[in-house]
């Protein structure tokens, strides 16, 4: 499995403060944020020990960081969708 961690030793240098733009369809956005919600707060979300393992072994961000990212995506997409609807 290839690493998507920009801090891994791929030899590439990343500017971690540089903004990144990603384009989603409304369905992709909905599916992504729903999946994030399920994985962080749903019935099958890891317990405290599971999150500890994910962080230590898999290098996954902590639960709150993932929730904050999801909230950021939701806010940005909601603003974009509202702007697009007002132009119709």
PDB file of N, CA and C in Angstrom:
ATOM      1  N   UNK A   1       0.844  -1.171   0.000  1.00  0.00           N
ATOM      2  CA  UNK A   1       0.000   0.000   0.000  1.00  0.00           C
ATOM      3  C   UNK A   1       0.892   1.237   0.000  1.00  0.00           C
ATOM      4  N   UNK A   2       0.639   2.155  -0.908  1.00  0.00           N
ATOM      5  CA  UNK A   2       1.471   3.354  -0.962  1.00  0.00           C
ATOM      6  C   UNK A   2       1.044   4.345   0.105  1.00  0.00           C
ATOM      7  N   UNK A   3       1.999   5.112   0.568  1.00  0.00           N
ATOM      8  CA  UNK A   3       1.734   6.081   1.625  1.00  0.00           C
ATOM      9  C   UNK A   3       1.160   7.357   1.043  1.00  0.00           C
ATOM     10  N   UNK A   4       0.143   7.892   1.702  1.00  0.00           N
ATOM     11  CA  UNK A   4      -0.388   9.200   1.330  1.00  0.00           C
ATOM     12  C   UNK A   4       0.053  10.241   2.345  1.00  0.00           C
ATOM     13  N   UNK A   5       0.941   9.857   3.228  1.00  0.00           N
ATOM     14  CA  UNK A   5       1.451  10.761   4.254  1.00  0.00           C
ATOM     15  C   UNK A   5       2.561  11.612   3.661  1.00  0.00           C
ATOM     16  N   UNK A   6       2.332  12.935   3.528  1.00  0.00           N
ATOM     17  CA  UNK A   6       3.364  13.774   2.922  1.00  0.00           C
ATOM     18  C   UNK A   6       4.625  13.892   3.766  1.00  0.00           C
ATOM     19  N   UNK A   7       4.589  13.415   5.001  1.00  0.00           N
ATOM     20  CA  UNK A   7       5.784  13.463   5.847  1.00  0.00           C
ATOM     21  C   UNK A   7       6.620  12.197   5.718  1.00  0.00           C
ATOM     22  N   UNK A   8       6.140  11.225   4.920  1.00  0.00           N
ATOM     23  CA  UNK A   8       6.912   9.992   4.754  1.00  0.00           C
ATOM     24  C   UNK A   8       8.171  10.290   3.942  1.00  0.00           C
ATOM     25  N   UNK A   9       9.068   9.349   3.911  1.00  0.00           N
ATOM     26  CA  UNK A   9      10.375   9.584   3.295  1.00  0.00           C
ATOM     27  C   UNK A   9      10.359   9.347   1.788  1.00  0.00           C
ATOM     28  N   UNK A  10       9.472  10.002   1.061  1.00  0.00           N
ATOM     29  CA  UNK A  10       9.415   9.860  -0.390  1.00  0.00           C
ATOM     30  C   UNK A  10      10.461  10.719  -1.078  1.00  0.00           C
ATOM     31  N   UNK A  11      11.132  11.574  -0.318  1.00  0.00           N
ATOM     32  CA  UNK A  11      12.131  12.454  -0.894  1.00  0.00           C
ATOM     33  C   UNK A  11      11.553  13.779  -1.360  1.00  0.00           C
ATOM     34  N   UNK A  12      10.233  13.903  -1.422  1.00  0.00           N
ATOM     35  CA  UNK A  12       9.593  15.142  -1.854  1.00  0.00           C
ATOM     36  C   UNK A  12       9.510  16.116  -0.680  1.00  0.00           C
ATOM     37  N   UNK A  13       9.610  17.377  -0.991  1.00  0.00           N
ATOM     38  CA  UNK A  13       9.466  18.431   0.018  1.00  0.00           C
ATOM     39  C   UNK A  13       8.120  19.109  -0.194  1.00  0.00           C
ATOM     40  N   UNK A  14       7.342  19.228   0.851  1.00  0.00           N
ATOM     41  CA  UNK A  14       6.019  19.835   0.783  1.00  0.00           C
ATOM     42  C   UNK A  14       5.973  21.099   1.622  1.00  0.00           C
ATOM     43  N   UNK A  15       5.247  22.073   1.139  1.00  0.00           N
ATOM     44  CA  UNK A  15       4.973  23.281   1.905  1.00  0.00           C
ATOM     45  C   UNK A  15       3.638  23.043   2.613  1.00  0.00           C
ATOM     46  N   UNK A  16       3.680  22.719   3.893  1.00  0.00           N
ATOM     47  CA  UNK A  16       2.478  22.348   4.625  1.00  0.00           C
ATOM     48  C   UNK A  16       1.542  23.511   4.881  1.00  0.00           C
ATOM     49  N   UNK A  17       1.970  24.727   4.610  1.00  0.00           N
ATOM     50  CA  UNK A  17       1.113  25.898   4.786  1.00  0.00           C
ATOM     51  C   UNK A  17       0.468  26.347   3.475  1.00  0.00           C
ATOM     52  N   UNK A  18       0.805  25.698   2.383  1.00  0.00           N
ATOM     53  CA  UNK A  18       0.267  26.064   1.071  1.00  0.00           C
ATOM     54  C   UNK A  18      -1.159  25.516   0.933  1.00  0.00           C
ATOM     55  N   UNK A  19      -2.127  26.373   0.595  1.00  0.00           N
ATOM     56  CA  UNK A  19      -3.501  25.901   0.402  1.00  0.00           C
ATOM     57  C   UNK A  19      -3.592  24.911  -0.768  1.00  0.00           C
ATOM     58  N   UNK A  20      -4.494  23.978  -0.656  1.00  0.00           N
ATOM     59  CA  UNK A  20      -4.733  22.980  -1.690  1.00  0.00           C
ATOM     60  C   UNK A  20      -6.203  23.073  -2.096  1.00  0.00           C
ATOM     61  N   UNK A  21      -6.469  23.005  -3.381  1.00  0.00           N
ATOM     62  CA  UNK A  21      -7.835  23.052  -3.884  1.00  0.00           C
ATOM     63  C   UNK A  21      -8.229  21.671  -4.393  1.00  0.00           C
ATOM     64  N   UNK A  22      -9.391  21.213  -3.946  1.00  0.00           N
ATOM     65  CA  UNK A  22      -9.929  19.930  -4.388  1.00  0.00           C
ATOM     66  C   UNK A  22     -11.348  20.185  -4.883  1.00  0.00           C
ATOM     67  N   UNK A  23     -11.715  19.574  -5.996  1.00  0.00           N
ATOM     68  CA  UNK A  23     -13.057  19.738  -6.533  1.00  0.00           C
ATOM     69  C   UNK A  23     -13.831  18.439  -6.338  1.00  0.00           C
ATOM     70  N   UNK A  24     -15.006  18.550  -5.713  1.00  0.00           N
ATOM     71  CA  UNK A  24     -15.898  17.412  -5.513  1.00  0.00           C
ATOM     72  C   UNK A  24     -17.225  17.694  -6.203  1.00  0.00           C
ATOM     73  N   UNK A  25     -17.881  16.646  -6.645  1.00  0.00           N
ATOM     74  CA  UNK A  25     -19.287  16.802  -6.997  1.00  0.00           C
ATOM     75  C   UNK A  25     -20.055  16.847  -5.680  1.00  0.00           C
ATOM     76  N   UNK A  26     -21.296  17.311  -5.719  1.00  0.00           N
ATOM     77  CA  UNK A  26     -22.091  17.349  -4.490  1.00  0.00           C
ATOM     78  C   UNK A  26     -22.228  15.942  -3.904  1.00  0.00           C
ATOM     79  N   UNK A  27     -22.385  14.930  -4.753  1.00  0.00           N
ATOM     80  CA  UNK A  27     -22.509  13.557  -4.259  1.00  0.00           C
ATOM     81  C   UNK A  27     -21.214  13.085  -3.608  1.00  0.00           C
ATOM     82  N   UNK A  28     -20.072  13.385  -4.225  1.00  0.00           N
ATOM     83  CA  UNK A  28     -18.786  12.992  -3.643  1.00  0.00           C
ATOM     84  C   UNK A  28     -18.592  13.656  -2.286  1.00  0.00           C
ATOM     85  N   UNK A  29     -18.941  14.930  -2.203  1.00  0.00           N
ATOM     86  CA  UNK A  29     -18.833  15.668  -0.937  1.00  0.00           C
ATOM     87  C   UNK A  29     -19.716  15.015   0.121  1.00  0.00           C
ATOM     88  N   UNK A  30     -20.960  14.720  -0.235  1.00  0.00           N
ATOM     89  CA  UNK A  30     -21.882  14.092   0.703  1.00  0.00           C
ATOM     90  C   UNK A  30     -21.343  12.733   1.154  1.00  0.00           C
ATOM     91  N   UNK A  31     -20.890  11.913   0.201  1.00  0.00           N
ATOM     92  CA  UNK A  31     -20.371  10.582   0.539  1.00  0.00           C
ATOM     93  C   UNK A  31     -19.139  10.676   1.443  1.00  0.00           C
ATOM     94  N   UNK A  32     -18.244  11.607   1.149  1.00  0.00           N
ATOM     95  CA  UNK A  32     -17.031  11.771   1.953  1.00  0.00           C
ATOM     96  C   UNK A  32     -17.355  12.184   3.386  1.00  0.00           C
ATOM     97  N   UNK A  33     -18.174  13.203   3.546  1.00  0.00           N
ATOM     98  CA  UNK A  33     -18.469  13.679   4.895  1.00  0.00           C
ATOM     99  C   UNK A  33     -19.325  12.672   5.668  1.00  0.00           C
ATOM    100  N   UNK A  34     -20.191  11.950   4.985  1.00  0.00           N
ATOM    101  CA  UNK A  34     -20.966  10.898   5.662  1.00  0.00           C
ATOM    102  C   UNK A  34     -20.035   9.785   6.148  1.00  0.00           C
ATOM    103  N   UNK A  35     -19.063   9.405   5.306  1.00  0.00           N
ATOM    104  CA  UNK A  35     -18.118   8.360   5.692  1.00  0.00           C
ATOM    105  C   UNK A  35     -17.260   8.816   6.866  1.00  0.00           C
ATOM    106  N   UNK A  36     -16.794  10.060   6.828  1.00  0.00           N
ATOM    107  CA  UNK A  36     -16.001  10.584   7.939  1.00  0.00           C
ATOM    108  C   UNK A  36     -16.820  10.559   9.225  1.00  0.00           C
ATOM    109  N   UNK A  37     -18.076  10.965   9.137  1.00  0.00           N
ATOM    110  CA  UNK A  37     -18.954  10.932  10.311  1.00  0.00           C
ATOM    111  C   UNK A  37     -19.128   9.525  10.863  1.00  0.00           C
ATOM    112  N   UNK A  38     -19.333   8.567   9.977  1.00  0.00           N
ATOM    113  CA  UNK A  38     -19.496   7.178  10.415  1.00  0.00           C
ATOM    114  C   UNK A  38     -18.224   6.644  11.062  1.00  0.00           C
ATOM    115  N   UNK A  39     -17.080   6.962  10.472  1.00  0.00           N
ATOM    116  CA  UNK A  39     -15.814   6.442  10.998  1.00  0.00           C
ATOM    117  C   UNK A  39     -15.385   7.109  12.296  1.00  0.00           C
ATOM    118  N   UNK A  40     -15.857   8.333  12.538  1.00  0.00           N
ATOM    119  CA  UNK A  40     -15.440   9.027  13.757  1.00  0.00           C
ATOM    120  C   UNK A  40     -16.473   8.967  14.860  1.00  0.00           C
ATOM    121  N   UNK A  41     -17.771   8.913  14.499  1.00  0.00           N
ATOM    122  CA  UNK A  41     -18.809   8.979  15.533  1.00  0.00           C
ATOM    123  C   UNK A  41     -19.901   7.932  15.385  1.00  0.00           C
ATOM    124  N   UNK A  42     -19.863   7.137  14.330  1.00  0.00           N
ATOM    125  CA  UNK A  42     -20.916   6.173  14.073  1.00  0.00           C
ATOM    126  C   UNK A  42     -20.842   4.942  14.961  1.00  0.00           C
ATOM    127  N   UNK A  43     -21.764   4.031  14.730  1.00  0.00           N
ATOM    128  CA  UNK A  43     -21.847   2.802  15.525  1.00  0.00           C
ATOM    129  C   UNK A  43     -20.581   1.956  15.457  1.00  0.00           C
ATOM    130  N   UNK A  44     -19.855   2.040  14.347  1.00  0.00           N
ATOM    131  CA  UNK A  44     -18.671   1.206  14.172  1.00  0.00           C
ATOM    132  C   UNK A  44     -17.367   1.985  14.345  1.00  0.00           C
ATOM    133  N   UNK A  45     -17.461   3.195  14.870  1.00  0.00           N
ATOM    134  CA  UNK A  45     -16.255   4.002  15.103  1.00  0.00           C
ATOM    135  C   UNK A  45     -15.382   3.305  16.153  1.00  0.00           C
ATOM    136  N   UNK A  46     -14.070   3.430  16.002  1.00  0.00           N
ATOM    137  CA  UNK A  46     -13.172   2.808  16.987  1.00  0.00           C
ATOM    138  C   UNK A  46     -13.368   3.401  18.384  1.00  0.00           C
ATOM    139  N   UNK A  47     -13.112   2.575  19.382  1.00  0.00           N
ATOM    140  CA  UNK A  47     -13.117   3.077  20.755  1.00  0.00           C
ATOM    141  C   UNK A  47     -11.771   3.765  21.015  1.00  0.00           C
ATOM    142  N   UNK A  48     -11.529   4.198  22.230  1.00  0.00           N
ATOM    143  CA  UNK A  48     -10.299   4.924  22.562  1.00  0.00           C
ATOM    144  C   UNK A  48      -9.049   4.108  22.222  1.00  0.00           C
ATOM    145  N   UNK A  49      -9.077   2.807  22.533  1.00  0.00           N
ATOM    146  CA  UNK A  49      -7.915   1.956  22.229  1.00  0.00           C
ATOM    147  C   UNK A  49      -7.746   1.797  20.723  1.00  0.00           C
ATOM    148  N   UNK A  50      -8.858   1.719  20.015  1.00  0.00           N
ATOM    149  CA  UNK A  50      -8.800   1.618  18.553  1.00  0.00           C
ATOM    150  C   UNK A  50      -8.199   2.862  17.926  1.00  0.00           C
ATOM    151  N   UNK A  51      -8.580   4.040  18.428  1.00  0.00           N
ATOM    152  CA  UNK A  51      -8.001   5.283  17.921  1.00  0.00           C
ATOM    153  C   UNK A  51      -6.517   5.354  18.238  1.00  0.00           C
ATOM    154  N   UNK A  52      -6.155   4.897  19.419  1.00  0.00           N
ATOM    155  CA  UNK A  52      -4.745   4.893  19.804  1.00  0.00           C
ATOM    156  C   UNK A  52      -3.943   4.034  18.823  1.00  0.00           C
ATOM    157  N   UNK A  53      -4.475   2.853  18.494  1.00  0.00           N
ATOM    158  CA  UNK A  53      -3.809   1.960  17.546  1.00  0.00           C
ATOM    159  C   UNK A  53      -3.713   2.615  16.169  1.00  0.00           C
ATOM    160  N   UNK A  54      -4.816   3.196  15.698  1.00  0.00           N
ATOM    161  CA  UNK A  54      -4.808   3.853  14.387  1.00  0.00           C
ATOM    162  C   UNK A  54      -3.744   4.950  14.320  1.00  0.00           C
ATOM    163  N   UNK A  55      -3.630   5.711  15.389  1.00  0.00           N
ATOM    164  CA  UNK A  55      -2.658   6.795  15.423  1.00  0.00           C
ATOM    165  C   UNK A  55      -1.223   6.270  15.471  1.00  0.00           C
ATOM    166  N   UNK A  56      -0.983   5.316  16.361  1.00  0.00           N
ATOM    167  CA  UNK A  56       0.384   4.829  16.568  1.00  0.00           C
ATOM    168  C   UNK A  56       0.871   3.917  15.449  1.00  0.00           C
ATOM    169  N   UNK A  57       0.031   3.019  14.991  1.00  0.00           N
ATOM    170  CA  UNK A  57       0.450   2.019  14.013  1.00  0.00           C
ATOM    171  C   UNK A  57       0.229   2.503  12.581  1.00  0.00           C
ATOM    172  N   UNK A  58      -0.915   3.103  12.317  1.00  0.00           N
ATOM    173  CA  UNK A  58      -1.270   3.492  10.954  1.00  0.00           C
ATOM    174  C   UNK A  58      -0.957   4.951  10.636  1.00  0.00           C
ATOM    175  N   UNK A  59      -0.627   5.747  11.642  1.00  0.00           N
ATOM    176  CA  UNK A  59      -0.307   7.147  11.404  1.00  0.00           C
ATOM    177  C   UNK A  59      -1.513   8.021  11.115  1.00  0.00           C
ATOM    178  N   UNK A  60      -2.689   7.568  11.539  1.00  0.00           N
ATOM    179  CA  UNK A  60      -3.926   8.316  11.320  1.00  0.00           C
ATOM    180  C   UNK A  60      -3.986   9.486  12.298  1.00  0.00           C
ATOM    181  N   UNK A  61      -4.528  10.605  11.830  1.00  0.00           N
ATOM    182  CA  UNK A  61      -4.716  11.758  12.713  1.00  0.00           C
ATOM    183  C   UNK A  61      -5.700  11.389  13.821  1.00  0.00           C
ATOM    184  N   UNK A  62      -5.677  12.157  14.903  1.00  0.00           N
ATOM    185  CA  UNK A  62      -6.610  11.876  15.991  1.00  0.00           C
ATOM    186  C   UNK A  62      -8.045  12.198  15.562  1.00  0.00           C
ATOM    187  N   UNK A  63      -8.989  11.657  16.306  1.00  0.00           N
ATOM    188  CA  UNK A  63     -10.417  11.764  15.978  1.00  0.00           C
ATOM    189  C   UNK A  63     -10.851  13.220  15.823  1.00  0.00           C
ATOM    190  N   UNK A  64     -10.455  14.088  16.740  1.00  0.00           N
ATOM    191  CA  UNK A  64     -10.894  15.479  16.687  1.00  0.00           C
ATOM    192  C   UNK A  64     -10.357  16.199  15.454  1.00  0.00           C
ATOM    193  N   UNK A  65      -9.125  15.896  15.063  1.00  0.00           N
ATOM    194  CA  UNK A  65      -8.557  16.494  13.855  1.00  0.00           C
ATOM    195  C   UNK A  65      -9.362  16.091  12.626  1.00  0.00           C
ATOM    196  N   UNK A  66      -9.766  14.834  12.558  1.00  0.00           N
ATOM    197  CA  UNK A  66     -10.561  14.356  11.426  1.00  0.00           C
ATOM    198  C   UNK A  66     -11.945  15.011  11.431  1.00  0.00           C
ATOM    199  N   UNK A  67     -12.555  15.143  12.601  1.00  0.00           N
ATOM    200  CA  UNK A  67     -13.854  15.819  12.708  1.00  0.00           C
ATOM    201  C   UNK A  67     -13.716  17.279  12.282  1.00  0.00           C
ATOM    202  N   UNK A  68     -12.661  17.953  12.719  1.00  0.00           N
ATOM    203  CA  UNK A  68     -12.436  19.344  12.335  1.00  0.00           C
ATOM    204  C   UNK A  68     -12.272  19.477  10.822  1.00  0.00           C
ATOM    205  N   UNK A  69     -11.550  18.545  10.201  1.00  0.00           N
ATOM    206  CA  UNK A  69     -11.379  18.548   8.754  1.00  0.00           C
ATOM    207  C   UNK A  69     -12.724  18.370   8.058  1.00  0.00           C
ATOM    208  N   UNK A  70     -13.515  17.439   8.549  1.00  0.00           N
ATOM    209  CA  UNK A  70     -14.840  17.216   7.976  1.00  0.00           C
ATOM    210  C   UNK A  70     -15.694  18.472   8.089  1.00  0.00           C
ATOM    211  N   UNK A  71     -15.650  19.129   9.244  1.00  0.00           N
ATOM    212  CA  UNK A  71     -16.425  20.365   9.426  1.00  0.00           C
ATOM    213  C   UNK A  71     -15.961  21.450   8.467  1.00  0.00           C
ATOM    214  N   UNK A  72     -14.665  21.527   8.231  1.00  0.00           N
ATOM    215  CA  UNK A  72     -14.107  22.506   7.293  1.00  0.00           C
ATOM    216  C   UNK A  72     -14.608  22.224   5.871  1.00  0.00           C
ATOM    217  N   UNK A  73     -14.619  20.960   5.482  1.00  0.00           N
ATOM    218  CA  UNK A  73     -15.112  20.562   4.156  1.00  0.00           C
ATOM    219  C   UNK A  73     -16.594  20.881   4.025  1.00  0.00           C
ATOM    220  N   UNK A  74     -17.374  20.547   5.056  1.00  0.00           N
ATOM    221  CA  UNK A  74     -18.813  20.815   5.030  1.00  0.00           C
ATOM    222  C   UNK A  74     -19.079  22.308   4.886  1.00  0.00           C
ATOM    223  N   UNK A  75     -18.383  23.115   5.667  1.00  0.00           N
ATOM    224  CA  UNK A  75     -18.579  24.566   5.617  1.00  0.00           C
ATOM    225  C   UNK A  75     -18.246  25.109   4.227  1.00  0.00           C
ATOM    226  N   UNK A  76     -17.112  24.718   3.676  1.00  0.00           N
ATOM    227  CA  UNK A  76     -16.693  25.206   2.363  1.00  0.00           C
ATOM    228  C   UNK A  76     -17.669  24.773   1.272  1.00  0.00           C
ATOM    229  N   UNK A  77     -18.099  23.527   1.316  1.00  0.00           N
ATOM    230  CA  UNK A  77     -19.017  23.028   0.291  1.00  0.00           C
ATOM    231  C   UNK A  77     -20.391  23.658   0.429  1.00  0.00           C
ATOM    232  N   UNK A  78     -20.866  23.853   1.650  1.00  0.00           N
ATOM    233  CA  UNK A  78     -22.153  24.516   1.846  1.00  0.00           C
ATOM    234  C   UNK A  78     -22.127  25.925   1.282  1.00  0.00           C
ATOM    235  N   UNK A  79     -21.046  26.655   1.533  1.00  0.00           N
ATOM    236  CA  UNK A  79     -20.928  28.021   1.014  1.00  0.00           C
ATOM    237  C   UNK A  79     -20.923  28.014  -0.512  1.00  0.00           C
ATOM    238  N   UNK A  80     -20.188  27.078  -1.110  1.00  0.00           N
ATOM    239  CA  UNK A  80     -20.114  26.982  -2.570  1.00  0.00           C
ATOM    240  C   UNK A  80     -21.477  26.637  -3.149  1.00  0.00           C
ATOM    241  N   UNK A  81     -22.178  25.677  -2.556  1.00  0.00           N
ATOM    242  CA  UNK A  81     -23.486  25.283  -3.071  1.00  0.00           C
ATOM    243  C   UNK A  81     -24.496  26.421  -2.949  1.00  0.00           C
ATOM    244  N   UNK A  82     -24.434  27.152  -1.836  1.00  0.00           N
ATOM    245  CA  UNK A  82     -25.352  28.275  -1.654  1.00  0.00           C
ATOM    246  C   UNK A  82     -25.059  29.385  -2.662  1.00  0.00           C
ATOM    247  N   UNK A  83     -23.781  29.652  -2.932  1.00  0.00           N
ATOM    248  CA  UNK A  83     -23.397  30.662  -3.905  1.00  0.00           C
ATOM    249  C   UNK A  83     -23.871  30.254  -5.296  1.00  0.00           C
ATOM    250  N   UNK A  84     -23.661  28.990  -5.649  1.00  0.00           N
ATOM    251  CA  UNK A  84     -24.072  28.490  -6.961  1.00  0.00           C
ATOM    252  C   UNK A  84     -25.579  28.594  -7.137  1.00  0.00           C
ATOM    253  N   UNK A  85     -26.362  28.301  -6.088  1.00  0.00           N
ATOM    254  CA  UNK A  85     -27.818  28.360  -6.186  1.00  0.00           C
ATOM    255  C   UNK A  85     -28.306  29.790  -6.340  1.00  0.00           C
ATOM    256  N   UNK A  86     -27.631  30.746  -5.721  1.00  0.00           N
ATOM    257  CA  UNK A  86     -28.063  32.131  -5.813  1.00  0.00           C
ATOM    258  C   UNK A  86     -27.791  32.716  -7.198  1.00  0.00           C
ATOM    259  N   UNK A  87     -26.881  32.082  -7.949  1.00  0.00           N
ATOM    260  CA  UNK A  87     -26.577  32.556  -9.299  1.00  0.00           C
ATOM    261  C   UNK A  87     -27.522  31.993 -10.335  1.00  0.00           C
ATOM    262  N   UNK A  88     -28.358  31.040  -9.950  1.00  0.00           N
ATOM    263  CA  UNK A  88     -29.290  30.402 -10.900  1.00  0.00           C
ATOM    264  C   UNK A  88     -30.489  31.282 -11.130  1.00  0.00           C
TER     265      UNK A  88
END
